[in-house]
Amino acid sequence: MQFVYAARLDHHGPDDIVVSFRDLPECLTGAGTIAEALEEAQDALAEAVAGRINRSEEIPAPSAARPGEHLVTVPADMAAKAAFALAFRRSGLSRAALAARLDIDEKSVQHMLDPRYGTAAGRIHAALRALEADLVLELR
C-alpha cells in the first residue's frame, strides 16, 4: 500500500485555506497559503495515521485523487510504522508470538508498534519480512 492521500483545499478567504482528506475524515488542518497548507497537511496526516495505529483502527487505502485535489505523502517513518501495524494486525499473531519469531523481547515489538517510538527502518523491514510483507521506498 502506498501512503499517499488526496487532499482537498478549500479557500475560506484570502489567508484561510482548510485542508481535508476524504479517506481520513478526522484529519483537518489549515494555513494561509497553499504551500503552508500542504506542509501542515503532511504533519496532520502523520498525526491521523499515528492516532489510528494507537487506537488499533484500520488505516484505509488511499483513494485516487479527484480533479483539483493535491497528493500528500505520509512521512516515511510514519508510513513504515503504519505498514508494520497493518501487517501485524493482518498476521493474527500475538506480540509474544511475533517477538519469538523475531528472537526479540515482547517490549521491543510493543515499541515497534508505537508510532511515537523511534524504530530503525531496518528493524521494521526485518519484522515485515517475518510477516511475509516488504517495505519499499520510492523516490519521486
N, C-alpha and C. Protein backbone atom coordinates (compact mmCIF):
# COMPACT_ATOMS: atom_id res chain seq x y z
N MET A 1 0.85 -1.18 0.00
CA MET A 1 0.00 0.00 0.00
C MET A 1 0.89 1.24 0.00
N GLN A 2 0.55 2.19 -0.82
CA GLN A 2 1.26 3.46 -0.81
C GLN A 2 0.53 4.40 0.15
N PHE A 3 1.27 5.14 0.91
CA PHE A 3 0.69 6.06 1.88
C PHE A 3 0.73 7.49 1.34
N VAL A 4 -0.05 7.69 0.27
CA VAL A 4 -0.17 9.00 -0.39
C VAL A 4 -1.66 9.28 -0.52
N TYR A 5 -2.13 10.31 0.16
CA TYR A 5 -3.56 10.58 0.24
C TYR A 5 -3.94 11.87 -0.50
N ALA A 6 -5.13 11.85 -1.06
CA ALA A 6 -5.66 13.02 -1.76
C ALA A 6 -6.22 14.02 -0.76
N ALA A 7 -5.79 15.26 -0.90
CA ALA A 7 -6.23 16.33 -0.01
C ALA A 7 -7.03 17.37 -0.78
N ARG A 8 -8.07 17.83 -0.15
CA ARG A 8 -8.89 18.90 -0.72
C ARG A 8 -8.54 20.19 -0.01
N LEU A 9 -8.30 21.24 -0.79
CA LEU A 9 -8.01 22.55 -0.23
C LEU A 9 -9.20 23.46 -0.48
N ASP A 10 -9.80 23.95 0.58
CA ASP A 10 -10.94 24.86 0.48
C ASP A 10 -10.50 26.24 0.94
N HIS A 11 -10.73 27.22 0.08
CA HIS A 11 -10.36 28.60 0.38
C HIS A 11 -11.54 29.28 1.08
N HIS A 12 -11.30 29.75 2.29
CA HIS A 12 -12.33 30.43 3.08
C HIS A 12 -12.01 31.91 3.26
N GLY A 13 -11.20 32.41 2.42
CA GLY A 13 -10.78 33.81 2.48
C GLY A 13 -9.39 33.91 1.89
N PRO A 14 -8.87 35.13 1.77
CA PRO A 14 -7.56 35.29 1.12
C PRO A 14 -6.41 34.63 1.89
N ASP A 15 -6.54 34.51 3.21
CA ASP A 15 -5.46 33.92 4.02
C ASP A 15 -5.97 32.76 4.87
N ASP A 16 -6.94 32.02 4.36
CA ASP A 16 -7.52 30.93 5.14
C ASP A 16 -7.85 29.75 4.23
N ILE A 17 -6.96 28.76 4.25
CA ILE A 17 -7.13 27.55 3.45
C ILE A 17 -7.29 26.39 4.41
N VAL A 18 -8.37 25.63 4.24
CA VAL A 18 -8.62 24.45 5.07
C VAL A 18 -8.34 23.21 4.23
N VAL A 19 -7.61 22.26 4.82
CA VAL A 19 -7.24 21.02 4.14
C VAL A 19 -7.98 19.86 4.79
N SER A 20 -8.59 19.02 3.96
CA SER A 20 -9.28 17.83 4.46
C SER A 20 -8.94 16.64 3.58
N PHE A 21 -9.16 15.45 4.12
CA PHE A 21 -8.87 14.20 3.43
C PHE A 21 -10.12 13.32 3.45
N ARG A 22 -10.58 12.90 2.28
CA ARG A 22 -11.75 12.02 2.21
C ARG A 22 -11.52 10.71 2.95
N ASP A 23 -10.34 10.14 2.80
CA ASP A 23 -10.05 8.83 3.38
C ASP A 23 -9.83 8.86 4.89
N LEU A 24 -9.49 10.01 5.41
CA LEU A 24 -9.23 10.18 6.84
C LEU A 24 -10.01 11.41 7.32
N PRO A 25 -11.31 11.28 7.52
CA PRO A 25 -12.14 12.46 7.83
C PRO A 25 -11.75 13.19 9.11
N GLU A 26 -11.06 12.52 10.01
CA GLU A 26 -10.63 13.18 11.24
C GLU A 26 -9.45 14.11 11.02
N CYS A 27 -8.86 14.06 9.84
CA CYS A 27 -7.66 14.82 9.54
C CYS A 27 -8.02 16.15 8.87
N LEU A 28 -7.91 17.21 9.63
CA LEU A 28 -8.18 18.57 9.15
C LEU A 28 -7.05 19.48 9.61
N THR A 29 -6.70 20.41 8.75
CA THR A 29 -5.71 21.41 9.13
C THR A 29 -5.91 22.61 8.21
N GLY A 30 -5.07 23.60 8.35
CA GLY A 30 -5.19 24.77 7.50
C GLY A 30 -3.99 25.68 7.64
N ALA A 31 -3.97 26.68 6.78
CA ALA A 31 -2.89 27.66 6.78
C ALA A 31 -3.30 28.82 5.89
N GLY A 32 -2.37 29.76 5.73
CA GLY A 32 -2.66 30.96 4.96
C GLY A 32 -2.33 30.89 3.49
N THR A 33 -1.39 30.00 3.13
CA THR A 33 -1.01 29.85 1.72
C THR A 33 -1.11 28.38 1.33
N ILE A 34 -1.14 28.12 0.04
CA ILE A 34 -1.20 26.74 -0.42
C ILE A 34 0.02 25.96 0.03
N ALA A 35 1.20 26.55 -0.11
CA ALA A 35 2.44 25.86 0.30
C ALA A 35 2.41 25.53 1.79
N GLU A 36 2.01 26.49 2.61
CA GLU A 36 1.92 26.24 4.05
C GLU A 36 0.86 25.20 4.36
N ALA A 37 -0.27 25.25 3.67
CA ALA A 37 -1.36 24.31 3.90
C ALA A 37 -0.92 22.89 3.58
N LEU A 38 -0.18 22.71 2.49
CA LEU A 38 0.28 21.37 2.13
C LEU A 38 1.34 20.86 3.10
N GLU A 39 2.17 21.76 3.62
CA GLU A 39 3.15 21.36 4.64
C GLU A 39 2.45 20.94 5.92
N GLU A 40 1.47 21.73 6.34
CA GLU A 40 0.68 21.39 7.53
C GLU A 40 -0.10 20.10 7.31
N ALA A 41 -0.54 19.88 6.08
CA ALA A 41 -1.31 18.68 5.75
C ALA A 41 -0.48 17.42 5.99
N GLN A 42 0.79 17.48 5.65
CA GLN A 42 1.65 16.31 5.87
C GLN A 42 1.78 16.01 7.36
N ASP A 43 1.93 17.04 8.18
CA ASP A 43 2.00 16.86 9.63
C ASP A 43 0.69 16.30 10.17
N ALA A 44 -0.42 16.85 9.70
CA ALA A 44 -1.74 16.39 10.16
C ALA A 44 -1.98 14.95 9.73
N LEU A 45 -1.55 14.61 8.56
CA LEU A 45 -1.70 13.25 8.05
C LEU A 45 -0.91 12.27 8.93
N ALA A 46 0.30 12.63 9.29
CA ALA A 46 1.10 11.78 10.18
C ALA A 46 0.39 11.58 11.52
N GLU A 47 -0.20 12.66 12.04
CA GLU A 47 -0.92 12.56 13.32
C GLU A 47 -2.16 11.67 13.20
N ALA A 48 -2.88 11.78 12.11
CA ALA A 48 -4.08 10.96 11.90
C ALA A 48 -3.71 9.48 11.81
N VAL A 49 -2.65 9.18 11.09
CA VAL A 49 -2.20 7.79 10.96
C VAL A 49 -1.71 7.28 12.32
N ALA A 50 -0.96 8.09 13.05
CA ALA A 50 -0.49 7.69 14.38
C ALA A 50 -1.68 7.40 15.30
N GLY A 51 -2.69 8.25 15.24
CA GLY A 51 -3.88 8.02 16.07
C GLY A 51 -4.56 6.71 15.74
N ARG A 52 -4.64 6.40 14.46
CA ARG A 52 -5.27 5.13 14.06
C ARG A 52 -4.43 3.94 14.51
N ILE A 53 -3.12 4.06 14.45
CA ILE A 53 -2.25 2.99 14.95
C ILE A 53 -2.50 2.81 16.44
N ASN A 54 -2.49 3.91 17.19
CA ASN A 54 -2.69 3.84 18.65
C ASN A 54 -4.03 3.24 19.03
N ARG A 55 -5.05 3.51 18.25
CA ARG A 55 -6.41 3.01 18.55
C ARG A 55 -6.67 1.65 17.89
N SER A 56 -5.66 1.08 17.26
CA SER A 56 -5.79 -0.20 16.55
C SER A 56 -6.91 -0.15 15.53
N GLU A 57 -7.04 0.98 14.86
CA GLU A 57 -8.04 1.15 13.81
C GLU A 57 -7.40 0.87 12.45
N GLU A 58 -8.24 0.52 11.51
CA GLU A 58 -7.77 0.29 10.15
C GLU A 58 -7.24 1.60 9.56
N ILE A 59 -6.21 1.50 8.77
CA ILE A 59 -5.69 2.64 8.03
C ILE A 59 -6.14 2.41 6.59
N PRO A 60 -7.05 3.25 6.10
CA PRO A 60 -7.62 2.98 4.78
C PRO A 60 -6.61 3.15 3.65
N ALA A 61 -6.81 2.35 2.63
CA ALA A 61 -6.01 2.53 1.42
C ALA A 61 -6.41 3.86 0.79
N PRO A 62 -5.45 4.59 0.26
CA PRO A 62 -5.77 5.89 -0.34
C PRO A 62 -6.65 5.76 -1.59
N SER A 63 -7.60 6.65 -1.69
CA SER A 63 -8.43 6.74 -2.90
C SER A 63 -7.68 7.53 -3.96
N ALA A 64 -8.06 7.34 -5.20
CA ALA A 64 -7.46 8.11 -6.29
C ALA A 64 -7.83 9.58 -6.13
N ALA A 65 -6.91 10.44 -6.48
CA ALA A 65 -7.17 11.88 -6.40
C ALA A 65 -8.21 12.28 -7.42
N ARG A 66 -9.04 13.20 -7.02
CA ARG A 66 -10.04 13.78 -7.91
C ARG A 66 -9.48 15.08 -8.47
N PRO A 67 -10.06 15.59 -9.54
CA PRO A 67 -9.57 16.86 -10.10
C PRO A 67 -9.56 17.95 -9.02
N GLY A 68 -8.46 18.66 -8.97
CA GLY A 68 -8.32 19.76 -8.02
C GLY A 68 -7.74 19.35 -6.68
N GLU A 69 -7.64 18.06 -6.42
CA GLU A 69 -7.05 17.60 -5.15
C GLU A 69 -5.53 17.52 -5.28
N HIS A 70 -4.87 17.60 -4.14
CA HIS A 70 -3.41 17.52 -4.08
C HIS A 70 -3.03 16.22 -3.39
N LEU A 71 -1.96 15.59 -3.84
CA LEU A 71 -1.47 14.38 -3.19
C LEU A 71 -0.51 14.74 -2.07
N VAL A 72 -0.75 14.16 -0.90
CA VAL A 72 0.08 14.41 0.27
C VAL A 72 0.61 13.06 0.77
N THR A 73 1.90 13.00 0.98
CA THR A 73 2.56 11.77 1.38
C THR A 73 2.72 11.72 2.90
N VAL A 74 2.41 10.56 3.48
CA VAL A 74 2.68 10.33 4.90
C VAL A 74 4.21 10.28 5.03
N PRO A 75 4.78 10.99 6.02
CA PRO A 75 6.24 10.94 6.20
C PRO A 75 6.74 9.50 6.29
N ALA A 76 7.93 9.24 5.75
CA ALA A 76 8.46 7.88 5.61
C ALA A 76 8.49 7.10 6.92
N ASP A 77 8.90 7.73 8.01
CA ASP A 77 8.97 6.99 9.27
C ASP A 77 7.59 6.55 9.74
N MET A 78 6.59 7.40 9.56
CA MET A 78 5.23 7.04 9.96
C MET A 78 4.63 6.03 9.00
N ALA A 79 4.95 6.14 7.72
CA ALA A 79 4.46 5.17 6.74
C ALA A 79 5.00 3.78 7.06
N ALA A 80 6.27 3.70 7.45
CA ALA A 80 6.86 2.41 7.82
C ALA A 80 6.16 1.82 9.05
N LYS A 81 5.90 2.67 10.04
CA LYS A 81 5.18 2.21 11.24
C LYS A 81 3.78 1.74 10.87
N ALA A 82 3.10 2.46 9.99
CA ALA A 82 1.74 2.09 9.59
C ALA A 82 1.76 0.77 8.82
N ALA A 83 2.72 0.60 7.94
CA ALA A 83 2.82 -0.65 7.19
C ALA A 83 3.04 -1.81 8.14
N PHE A 84 3.89 -1.62 9.13
CA PHE A 84 4.14 -2.68 10.11
C PHE A 84 2.89 -2.97 10.93
N ALA A 85 2.21 -1.93 11.40
CA ALA A 85 1.00 -2.13 12.20
C ALA A 85 -0.06 -2.89 11.40
N LEU A 86 -0.24 -2.53 10.13
CA LEU A 86 -1.22 -3.22 9.28
C LEU A 86 -0.83 -4.69 9.07
N ALA A 87 0.42 -4.93 8.77
CA ALA A 87 0.87 -6.30 8.53
C ALA A 87 0.75 -7.13 9.81
N PHE A 88 1.08 -6.53 10.94
CA PHE A 88 0.98 -7.25 12.21
C PHE A 88 -0.47 -7.63 12.49
N ARG A 89 -1.40 -6.69 12.34
CA ARG A 89 -2.81 -6.98 12.58
C ARG A 89 -3.32 -8.08 11.65
N ARG A 90 -2.94 -7.99 10.41
CA ARG A 90 -3.40 -8.98 9.42
C ARG A 90 -2.80 -10.36 9.66
N SER A 91 -1.65 -10.42 10.32
CA SER A 91 -1.00 -11.71 10.57
C SER A 91 -1.77 -12.56 11.58
N GLY A 92 -2.49 -11.92 12.49
CA GLY A 92 -3.20 -12.64 13.53
C GLY A 92 -2.29 -13.11 14.66
N LEU A 93 -1.01 -12.78 14.59
CA LEU A 93 -0.07 -13.17 15.64
C LEU A 93 -0.25 -12.30 16.88
N SER A 94 0.11 -12.83 18.01
CA SER A 94 0.18 -12.03 19.23
C SER A 94 1.54 -11.34 19.24
N ARG A 95 1.70 -10.37 20.12
CA ARG A 95 3.00 -9.71 20.25
C ARG A 95 4.06 -10.71 20.68
N ALA A 96 3.68 -11.59 21.60
CA ALA A 96 4.63 -12.60 22.09
C ALA A 96 5.06 -13.53 20.96
N ALA A 97 4.11 -13.94 20.11
CA ALA A 97 4.44 -14.83 19.00
C ALA A 97 5.36 -14.15 18.00
N LEU A 98 5.09 -12.87 17.72
CA LEU A 98 5.97 -12.15 16.80
C LEU A 98 7.35 -11.96 17.41
N ALA A 99 7.41 -11.65 18.70
CA ALA A 99 8.69 -11.49 19.38
C ALA A 99 9.50 -12.78 19.29
N ALA A 100 8.85 -13.91 19.49
CA ALA A 100 9.54 -15.19 19.39
C ALA A 100 10.04 -15.42 17.96
N ARG A 101 9.22 -15.08 16.98
CA ARG A 101 9.61 -15.26 15.58
C ARG A 101 10.82 -14.40 15.23
N LEU A 102 10.88 -13.20 15.82
CA LEU A 102 11.97 -12.27 15.54
C LEU A 102 13.16 -12.45 16.48
N ASP A 103 13.00 -13.32 17.49
CA ASP A 103 14.02 -13.54 18.52
C ASP A 103 14.38 -12.24 19.25
N ILE A 104 13.30 -11.50 19.62
CA ILE A 104 13.46 -10.28 20.42
C ILE A 104 12.45 -10.36 21.56
N ASP A 105 12.54 -9.43 22.51
CA ASP A 105 11.57 -9.45 23.60
C ASP A 105 10.27 -8.75 23.18
N GLU A 106 9.21 -9.05 23.91
CA GLU A 106 7.89 -8.52 23.57
C GLU A 106 7.85 -7.00 23.68
N LYS A 107 8.62 -6.43 24.61
CA LYS A 107 8.65 -4.97 24.75
C LYS A 107 9.18 -4.32 23.47
N SER A 108 10.10 -4.97 22.79
CA SER A 108 10.61 -4.43 21.53
C SER A 108 9.52 -4.41 20.47
N VAL A 109 8.68 -5.43 20.44
CA VAL A 109 7.56 -5.45 19.50
C VAL A 109 6.60 -4.32 19.84
N GLN A 110 6.36 -4.12 21.14
CA GLN A 110 5.49 -3.02 21.58
C GLN A 110 6.04 -1.68 21.11
N HIS A 111 7.34 -1.48 21.23
CA HIS A 111 7.97 -0.24 20.75
C HIS A 111 7.81 -0.08 19.25
N MET A 112 7.95 -1.19 18.52
CA MET A 112 7.82 -1.13 17.07
C MET A 112 6.41 -0.74 16.66
N LEU A 113 5.42 -1.08 17.47
CA LEU A 113 4.03 -0.74 17.18
C LEU A 113 3.64 0.65 17.68
N ASP A 114 4.51 1.28 18.42
CA ASP A 114 4.25 2.62 18.96
C ASP A 114 4.68 3.66 17.92
N PRO A 115 3.72 4.43 17.37
CA PRO A 115 4.08 5.38 16.31
C PRO A 115 5.00 6.50 16.78
N ARG A 116 5.11 6.72 18.07
CA ARG A 116 5.98 7.78 18.59
C ARG A 116 7.36 7.29 18.98
N TYR A 117 7.54 6.00 18.99
CA TYR A 117 8.84 5.43 19.37
C TYR A 117 9.70 5.30 18.12
N GLY A 118 10.88 5.85 18.16
CA GLY A 118 11.78 5.81 17.01
C GLY A 118 12.35 4.41 16.80
N THR A 119 11.92 3.77 15.76
CA THR A 119 12.41 2.43 15.42
C THR A 119 13.16 2.53 14.10
N ALA A 120 14.33 1.94 14.06
CA ALA A 120 15.14 1.97 12.83
C ALA A 120 14.39 1.29 11.69
N ALA A 121 14.51 1.87 10.52
CA ALA A 121 13.83 1.33 9.34
C ALA A 121 14.24 -0.12 9.07
N GLY A 122 15.50 -0.44 9.30
CA GLY A 122 15.97 -1.80 9.09
C GLY A 122 15.28 -2.80 9.99
N ARG A 123 14.99 -2.39 11.20
CA ARG A 123 14.30 -3.28 12.15
C ARG A 123 12.85 -3.50 11.70
N ILE A 124 12.20 -2.44 11.25
CA ILE A 124 10.83 -2.58 10.76
C ILE A 124 10.82 -3.45 9.50
N HIS A 125 11.80 -3.25 8.64
CA HIS A 125 11.88 -4.04 7.42
C HIS A 125 12.04 -5.52 7.75
N ALA A 126 12.90 -5.85 8.70
CA ALA A 126 13.09 -7.24 9.11
C ALA A 126 11.80 -7.82 9.69
N ALA A 127 11.10 -7.04 10.48
CA ALA A 127 9.84 -7.50 11.07
C ALA A 127 8.79 -7.72 9.99
N LEU A 128 8.74 -6.84 9.01
CA LEU A 128 7.80 -7.01 7.90
C LEU A 128 8.11 -8.29 7.11
N ARG A 129 9.37 -8.54 6.88
CA ARG A 129 9.75 -9.79 6.18
C ARG A 129 9.29 -11.01 6.97
N ALA A 130 9.39 -10.94 8.31
CA ALA A 130 8.93 -12.05 9.15
C ALA A 130 7.42 -12.22 9.06
N LEU A 131 6.72 -11.17 8.67
CA LEU A 131 5.27 -11.21 8.49
C LEU A 131 4.90 -11.45 7.02
N GLU A 132 5.90 -11.83 6.22
CA GLU A 132 5.71 -12.08 4.79
C GLU A 132 5.22 -10.84 4.04
N ALA A 133 5.78 -9.70 4.43
CA ALA A 133 5.50 -8.43 3.77
C ALA A 133 6.85 -7.79 3.46
N ASP A 134 6.82 -6.67 2.78
CA ASP A 134 8.05 -5.99 2.43
C ASP A 134 7.84 -4.49 2.49
N LEU A 135 8.91 -3.78 2.72
CA LEU A 135 8.88 -2.32 2.76
C LEU A 135 9.68 -1.83 1.55
N VAL A 136 9.02 -1.02 0.71
CA VAL A 136 9.64 -0.50 -0.49
C VAL A 136 9.56 1.02 -0.44
N LEU A 137 10.68 1.67 -0.63
CA LEU A 137 10.72 3.13 -0.68
C LEU A 137 10.81 3.56 -2.13
N GLU A 138 10.17 4.67 -2.42
CA GLU A 138 10.18 5.19 -3.78
C GLU A 138 10.60 6.66 -3.73
N LEU A 139 11.50 7.04 -4.60
CA LEU A 139 11.93 8.42 -4.70
C LEU A 139 11.17 9.08 -5.83
N ARG A 140 10.55 10.20 -5.54
CA ARG A 140 9.79 10.93 -6.58
C ARG A 140 10.41 12.27 -6.81
